[in-house]
């Protein structure tokens, strides 16, 4: 299948309602039928502000996180529409890819 590898970059402490942005993205991806997504925490990094962000012993709120998924163009359009509807500003990378499952019969 052809589609996209979509990766969102945010921080653990960024929230939308009661959920972190990462949790919200996972919830919305599942709700529109995206079959899988991965959430991963990073040791550290810096964003547009140039400030270094990392997990600290007492505060993990600034820990960088990634949410990655492979999805169809239609699901991509649906997810970006939902993000726009909610007024969220999230940095992302969207890369055209071929994806599938090995040894699966068509």
N, C-alpha and C. Protein backbone atom coordinates (compact mmCIF):
# COMPACT_ATOMS: atom_id res chain seq x y z
N UNK A 1 0.85 -1.18 0.00
CA UNK A 1 0.00 0.00 0.00
C UNK A 1 0.89 1.24 0.00
N UNK A 2 0.48 2.24 -0.71
CA UNK A 2 1.20 3.51 -0.72
C UNK A 2 0.49 4.51 0.18
N UNK A 3 1.28 5.28 0.88
CA UNK A 3 0.73 6.28 1.78
C UNK A 3 1.85 7.12 2.36
N UNK A 4 1.77 7.37 3.64
CA UNK A 4 2.74 8.25 4.30
C UNK A 4 3.24 7.66 5.61
N UNK A 5 4.48 7.98 5.93
CA UNK A 5 4.99 7.82 7.29
C UNK A 5 4.86 9.21 7.89
N UNK A 6 4.06 9.32 8.92
CA UNK A 6 3.77 10.60 9.55
C UNK A 6 4.31 10.58 10.97
N UNK A 7 5.16 11.53 11.29
CA UNK A 7 5.73 11.62 12.63
C UNK A 7 5.47 13.00 13.19
N UNK A 8 4.87 13.04 14.37
CA UNK A 8 4.63 14.28 15.10
C UNK A 8 5.65 14.39 16.22
N UNK A 9 6.12 15.60 16.48
CA UNK A 9 7.09 15.86 17.54
C UNK A 9 6.48 16.86 18.52
N UNK A 10 6.50 16.50 19.79
CA UNK A 10 5.92 17.37 20.81
C UNK A 10 6.66 17.13 22.13
N UNK A 11 6.09 17.60 23.23
CA UNK A 11 6.67 17.38 24.56
C UNK A 11 5.63 16.70 25.43
N UNK A 12 6.10 15.92 26.37
CA UNK A 12 5.21 15.17 27.26
C UNK A 12 4.21 16.08 27.97
N UNK A 13 4.65 17.27 28.35
CA UNK A 13 3.80 18.17 29.12
C UNK A 13 2.80 18.98 28.32
N UNK A 14 2.86 18.93 26.98
CA UNK A 14 1.88 19.66 26.17
C UNK A 14 0.56 18.88 26.17
N UNK A 15 -0.51 19.57 26.48
CA UNK A 15 -1.80 18.90 26.60
C UNK A 15 -2.85 19.55 25.71
N UNK A 16 -3.87 18.74 25.43
CA UNK A 16 -5.09 19.20 24.76
C UNK A 16 -6.23 18.60 25.55
N UNK A 17 -6.92 19.42 26.31
CA UNK A 17 -7.93 18.90 27.23
C UNK A 17 -7.23 18.09 28.31
N UNK A 18 -7.80 16.94 28.67
CA UNK A 18 -7.19 16.13 29.74
C UNK A 18 -6.03 15.25 29.27
N UNK A 19 -5.76 15.21 27.97
CA UNK A 19 -4.74 14.30 27.42
C UNK A 19 -3.50 15.06 26.98
N UNK A 20 -2.37 14.37 27.03
CA UNK A 20 -1.18 14.94 26.41
C UNK A 20 -1.43 14.97 24.90
N UNK A 21 -0.70 15.82 24.18
CA UNK A 21 -0.84 15.88 22.72
C UNK A 21 -0.59 14.49 22.12
N UNK A 22 0.44 13.79 22.62
CA UNK A 22 0.75 12.46 22.10
C UNK A 22 -0.42 11.50 22.31
N UNK A 23 -1.00 11.49 23.50
CA UNK A 23 -2.14 10.61 23.77
C UNK A 23 -3.34 11.01 22.91
N UNK A 24 -3.55 12.29 22.73
CA UNK A 24 -4.66 12.77 21.91
C UNK A 24 -4.48 12.29 20.47
N UNK A 25 -3.25 12.40 19.93
CA UNK A 25 -2.98 11.94 18.56
C UNK A 25 -3.27 10.45 18.42
N UNK A 26 -2.83 9.64 19.40
CA UNK A 26 -3.09 8.20 19.35
C UNK A 26 -4.59 7.92 19.38
N UNK A 27 -5.31 8.60 20.24
CA UNK A 27 -6.77 8.42 20.36
C UNK A 27 -7.47 8.77 19.04
N UNK A 28 -7.10 9.90 18.46
CA UNK A 28 -7.74 10.34 17.21
C UNK A 28 -7.37 9.42 16.05
N UNK A 29 -6.13 8.98 16.00
CA UNK A 29 -5.70 8.06 14.94
C UNK A 29 -6.54 6.79 14.98
N UNK A 30 -6.71 6.25 16.18
CA UNK A 30 -7.51 5.03 16.32
C UNK A 30 -8.97 5.28 15.95
N UNK A 31 -9.50 6.44 16.35
CA UNK A 31 -10.91 6.75 16.08
C UNK A 31 -11.22 6.84 14.59
N UNK A 32 -10.25 7.28 13.77
CA UNK A 32 -10.54 7.37 12.34
C UNK A 32 -10.13 6.12 11.57
N UNK A 33 -9.63 5.11 12.29
CA UNK A 33 -9.36 3.83 11.66
C UNK A 33 -7.92 3.56 11.27
N UNK A 34 -7.00 4.40 11.71
CA UNK A 34 -5.58 4.13 11.46
C UNK A 34 -5.21 2.91 12.28
N UNK A 35 -4.62 1.90 11.64
CA UNK A 35 -4.46 0.59 12.27
C UNK A 35 -3.35 0.50 13.31
N UNK A 36 -2.46 1.46 13.36
CA UNK A 36 -1.41 1.40 14.37
C UNK A 36 -0.64 2.70 14.43
N UNK A 37 -0.14 3.02 15.60
CA UNK A 37 0.69 4.20 15.80
C UNK A 37 1.61 3.91 16.97
N UNK A 38 2.77 4.54 16.96
CA UNK A 38 3.77 4.32 18.01
C UNK A 38 4.11 5.63 18.69
N UNK A 39 4.16 5.58 20.00
CA UNK A 39 4.55 6.72 20.83
C UNK A 39 5.91 6.40 21.42
N UNK A 40 6.88 7.30 21.27
CA UNK A 40 8.22 7.06 21.81
C UNK A 40 8.73 8.32 22.49
N UNK A 41 9.37 8.13 23.64
CA UNK A 41 9.97 9.25 24.36
C UNK A 41 11.45 9.34 24.01
N UNK A 42 11.94 10.55 23.89
CA UNK A 42 13.35 10.79 23.57
C UNK A 42 14.09 11.26 24.81
N UNK A 43 15.40 11.11 24.80
CA UNK A 43 16.23 11.57 25.91
C UNK A 43 16.27 13.09 25.98
N UNK A 44 16.33 13.73 24.83
CA UNK A 44 16.41 15.19 24.82
C UNK A 44 16.45 15.71 23.40
N UNK A 45 16.32 17.00 23.27
CA UNK A 45 16.38 17.65 21.97
C UNK A 45 16.00 19.11 22.10
N UNK A 46 16.07 19.82 20.99
CA UNK A 46 15.64 21.22 21.01
C UNK A 46 14.67 21.46 19.88
N UNK A 47 13.80 22.45 20.09
CA UNK A 47 12.77 22.76 19.11
C UNK A 47 12.99 24.11 18.48
N UNK A 48 11.91 24.66 17.91
CA UNK A 48 11.99 25.95 17.21
C UNK A 48 12.51 27.07 18.10
N UNK A 49 12.25 26.97 19.39
CA UNK A 49 12.69 28.02 20.30
C UNK A 49 14.19 27.96 20.60
N UNK A 50 14.85 26.89 20.16
CA UNK A 50 16.28 26.75 20.40
C UNK A 50 16.63 26.28 21.80
N UNK A 51 15.63 26.10 22.65
CA UNK A 51 15.83 25.67 24.03
C UNK A 51 15.95 24.15 24.10
N UNK A 52 16.89 23.66 24.89
CA UNK A 52 17.07 22.22 25.07
C UNK A 52 15.97 21.69 25.99
N UNK A 53 15.31 20.61 25.58
CA UNK A 53 14.24 19.99 26.36
C UNK A 53 14.64 18.56 26.67
N UNK A 54 14.42 18.14 27.91
CA UNK A 54 14.74 16.76 28.29
C UNK A 54 13.91 16.37 29.50
N UNK A 55 13.92 15.07 29.79
CA UNK A 55 13.28 14.58 31.01
C UNK A 55 14.22 14.87 32.16
N UNK A 56 13.68 15.41 33.21
CA UNK A 56 14.48 15.66 34.41
C UNK A 56 13.96 14.75 35.50
N UNK A 57 14.77 14.58 36.53
CA UNK A 57 14.42 13.64 37.59
C UNK A 57 13.04 13.94 38.19
N UNK A 58 12.74 15.20 38.44
CA UNK A 58 11.47 15.54 39.07
C UNK A 58 10.42 16.07 38.10
N UNK A 59 10.80 16.30 36.86
CA UNK A 59 9.88 16.88 35.90
C UNK A 59 10.10 16.28 34.51
N UNK A 60 9.17 15.45 34.07
CA UNK A 60 9.27 14.87 32.72
C UNK A 60 8.43 15.66 31.71
N UNK A 61 7.85 16.78 32.14
CA UNK A 61 6.97 17.57 31.28
C UNK A 61 7.62 18.07 30.02
N UNK A 62 8.93 18.31 30.04
CA UNK A 62 9.61 18.82 28.86
C UNK A 62 10.23 17.70 28.01
N UNK A 63 10.02 16.45 28.39
CA UNK A 63 10.61 15.35 27.64
C UNK A 63 10.05 15.32 26.22
N UNK A 64 10.94 15.33 25.21
CA UNK A 64 10.46 15.25 23.83
C UNK A 64 9.83 13.88 23.56
N UNK A 65 8.75 13.88 22.76
CA UNK A 65 8.09 12.64 22.38
C UNK A 65 7.78 12.68 20.89
N UNK A 66 7.68 11.49 20.31
CA UNK A 66 7.32 11.33 18.90
C UNK A 66 6.11 10.40 18.81
N UNK A 67 5.23 10.71 17.90
CA UNK A 67 4.12 9.81 17.56
C UNK A 67 4.26 9.52 16.07
N UNK A 68 4.45 8.24 15.71
CA UNK A 68 4.69 7.85 14.33
C UNK A 68 3.63 6.86 13.87
N UNK A 69 3.22 7.00 12.62
CA UNK A 69 2.23 6.08 12.05
C UNK A 69 2.42 5.99 10.54
N UNK A 70 2.02 4.86 9.97
CA UNK A 70 1.93 4.70 8.52
C UNK A 70 0.45 4.74 8.19
N UNK A 71 0.09 5.56 7.21
CA UNK A 71 -1.33 5.73 6.95
C UNK A 71 -1.60 6.06 5.48
N UNK A 72 -2.83 5.83 5.08
CA UNK A 72 -3.26 6.12 3.71
C UNK A 72 -3.41 7.63 3.52
N UNK A 73 -3.42 8.09 2.27
CA UNK A 73 -3.67 9.51 2.03
C UNK A 73 -5.02 9.97 2.60
N UNK A 74 -6.03 9.12 2.52
CA UNK A 74 -7.35 9.48 3.06
C UNK A 74 -7.31 9.66 4.57
N UNK A 75 -6.65 8.73 5.27
CA UNK A 75 -6.53 8.86 6.72
C UNK A 75 -5.69 10.08 7.09
N UNK A 76 -4.66 10.37 6.30
CA UNK A 76 -3.86 11.56 6.54
C UNK A 76 -4.73 12.82 6.46
N UNK A 77 -5.54 12.91 5.42
CA UNK A 77 -6.43 14.06 5.25
C UNK A 77 -7.39 14.18 6.44
N UNK A 78 -7.94 13.06 6.88
CA UNK A 78 -8.88 13.07 8.01
C UNK A 78 -8.19 13.53 9.30
N UNK A 79 -6.98 13.03 9.55
CA UNK A 79 -6.28 13.39 10.77
C UNK A 79 -5.90 14.87 10.76
N UNK A 80 -5.39 15.36 9.64
CA UNK A 80 -5.03 16.79 9.58
C UNK A 80 -6.26 17.69 9.68
N UNK A 81 -7.40 17.24 9.16
CA UNK A 81 -8.64 18.00 9.31
C UNK A 81 -9.04 18.10 10.78
N UNK A 82 -8.91 17.00 11.50
CA UNK A 82 -9.24 16.99 12.93
C UNK A 82 -8.29 17.89 13.71
N UNK A 83 -7.00 17.84 13.39
CA UNK A 83 -6.02 18.70 14.05
C UNK A 83 -6.35 20.17 13.80
N UNK A 84 -6.70 20.51 12.56
CA UNK A 84 -7.07 21.88 12.22
C UNK A 84 -8.34 22.30 12.95
N UNK A 85 -9.32 21.40 13.01
CA UNK A 85 -10.58 21.68 13.71
C UNK A 85 -10.32 22.01 15.17
N UNK A 86 -9.35 21.33 15.78
CA UNK A 86 -9.03 21.55 17.19
C UNK A 86 -8.08 22.73 17.40
N UNK A 87 -7.55 23.29 16.31
CA UNK A 87 -6.67 24.45 16.40
C UNK A 87 -5.30 24.15 16.99
N UNK A 88 -4.82 22.92 16.77
CA UNK A 88 -3.53 22.52 17.35
C UNK A 88 -2.37 22.87 16.43
N UNK A 89 -1.26 23.24 17.02
CA UNK A 89 -0.02 23.54 16.30
C UNK A 89 1.01 22.50 16.72
N UNK A 90 1.30 21.54 15.84
CA UNK A 90 2.21 20.42 16.15
C UNK A 90 3.18 20.28 14.99
N UNK A 91 4.47 20.25 15.29
CA UNK A 91 5.46 20.03 14.24
C UNK A 91 5.36 18.59 13.76
N UNK A 92 5.51 18.37 12.44
CA UNK A 92 5.41 17.02 11.89
C UNK A 92 6.33 16.86 10.69
N UNK A 93 6.58 15.61 10.34
CA UNK A 93 7.21 15.23 9.07
C UNK A 93 6.30 14.21 8.41
N UNK A 94 6.08 14.38 7.10
CA UNK A 94 5.19 13.50 6.34
C UNK A 94 5.97 13.04 5.11
N UNK A 95 6.26 11.74 5.06
CA UNK A 95 7.13 11.19 4.03
C UNK A 95 6.36 10.12 3.24
N UNK A 96 6.33 10.22 1.90
CA UNK A 96 5.68 9.17 1.10
C UNK A 96 6.40 7.83 1.29
N UNK A 97 5.64 6.76 1.51
CA UNK A 97 6.21 5.43 1.72
C UNK A 97 5.30 4.36 1.12
N UNK A 98 5.90 3.18 0.97
CA UNK A 98 5.14 1.97 0.68
C UNK A 98 5.16 1.17 1.97
N UNK A 99 4.02 0.63 2.37
CA UNK A 99 3.98 -0.17 3.60
C UNK A 99 3.04 -1.35 3.44
N UNK A 100 3.23 -2.33 4.29
CA UNK A 100 2.38 -3.52 4.26
C UNK A 100 2.86 -4.51 5.31
N UNK A 101 2.42 -5.74 5.19
CA UNK A 101 2.78 -6.81 6.13
C UNK A 101 3.40 -7.94 5.30
N UNK A 102 4.56 -8.41 5.72
CA UNK A 102 5.22 -9.48 4.98
C UNK A 102 4.40 -10.76 5.04
N UNK A 103 4.49 -11.56 4.00
CA UNK A 103 3.86 -12.88 3.90
C UNK A 103 2.35 -12.84 4.02
N UNK A 104 1.74 -11.71 3.78
CA UNK A 104 0.28 -11.62 3.83
C UNK A 104 -0.25 -11.81 2.44
N UNK A 105 -1.26 -12.66 2.29
CA UNK A 105 -1.88 -12.89 0.99
C UNK A 105 -2.79 -11.74 0.65
N UNK A 106 -2.87 -11.40 -0.62
CA UNK A 106 -3.71 -10.28 -1.06
C UNK A 106 -5.13 -10.71 -1.24
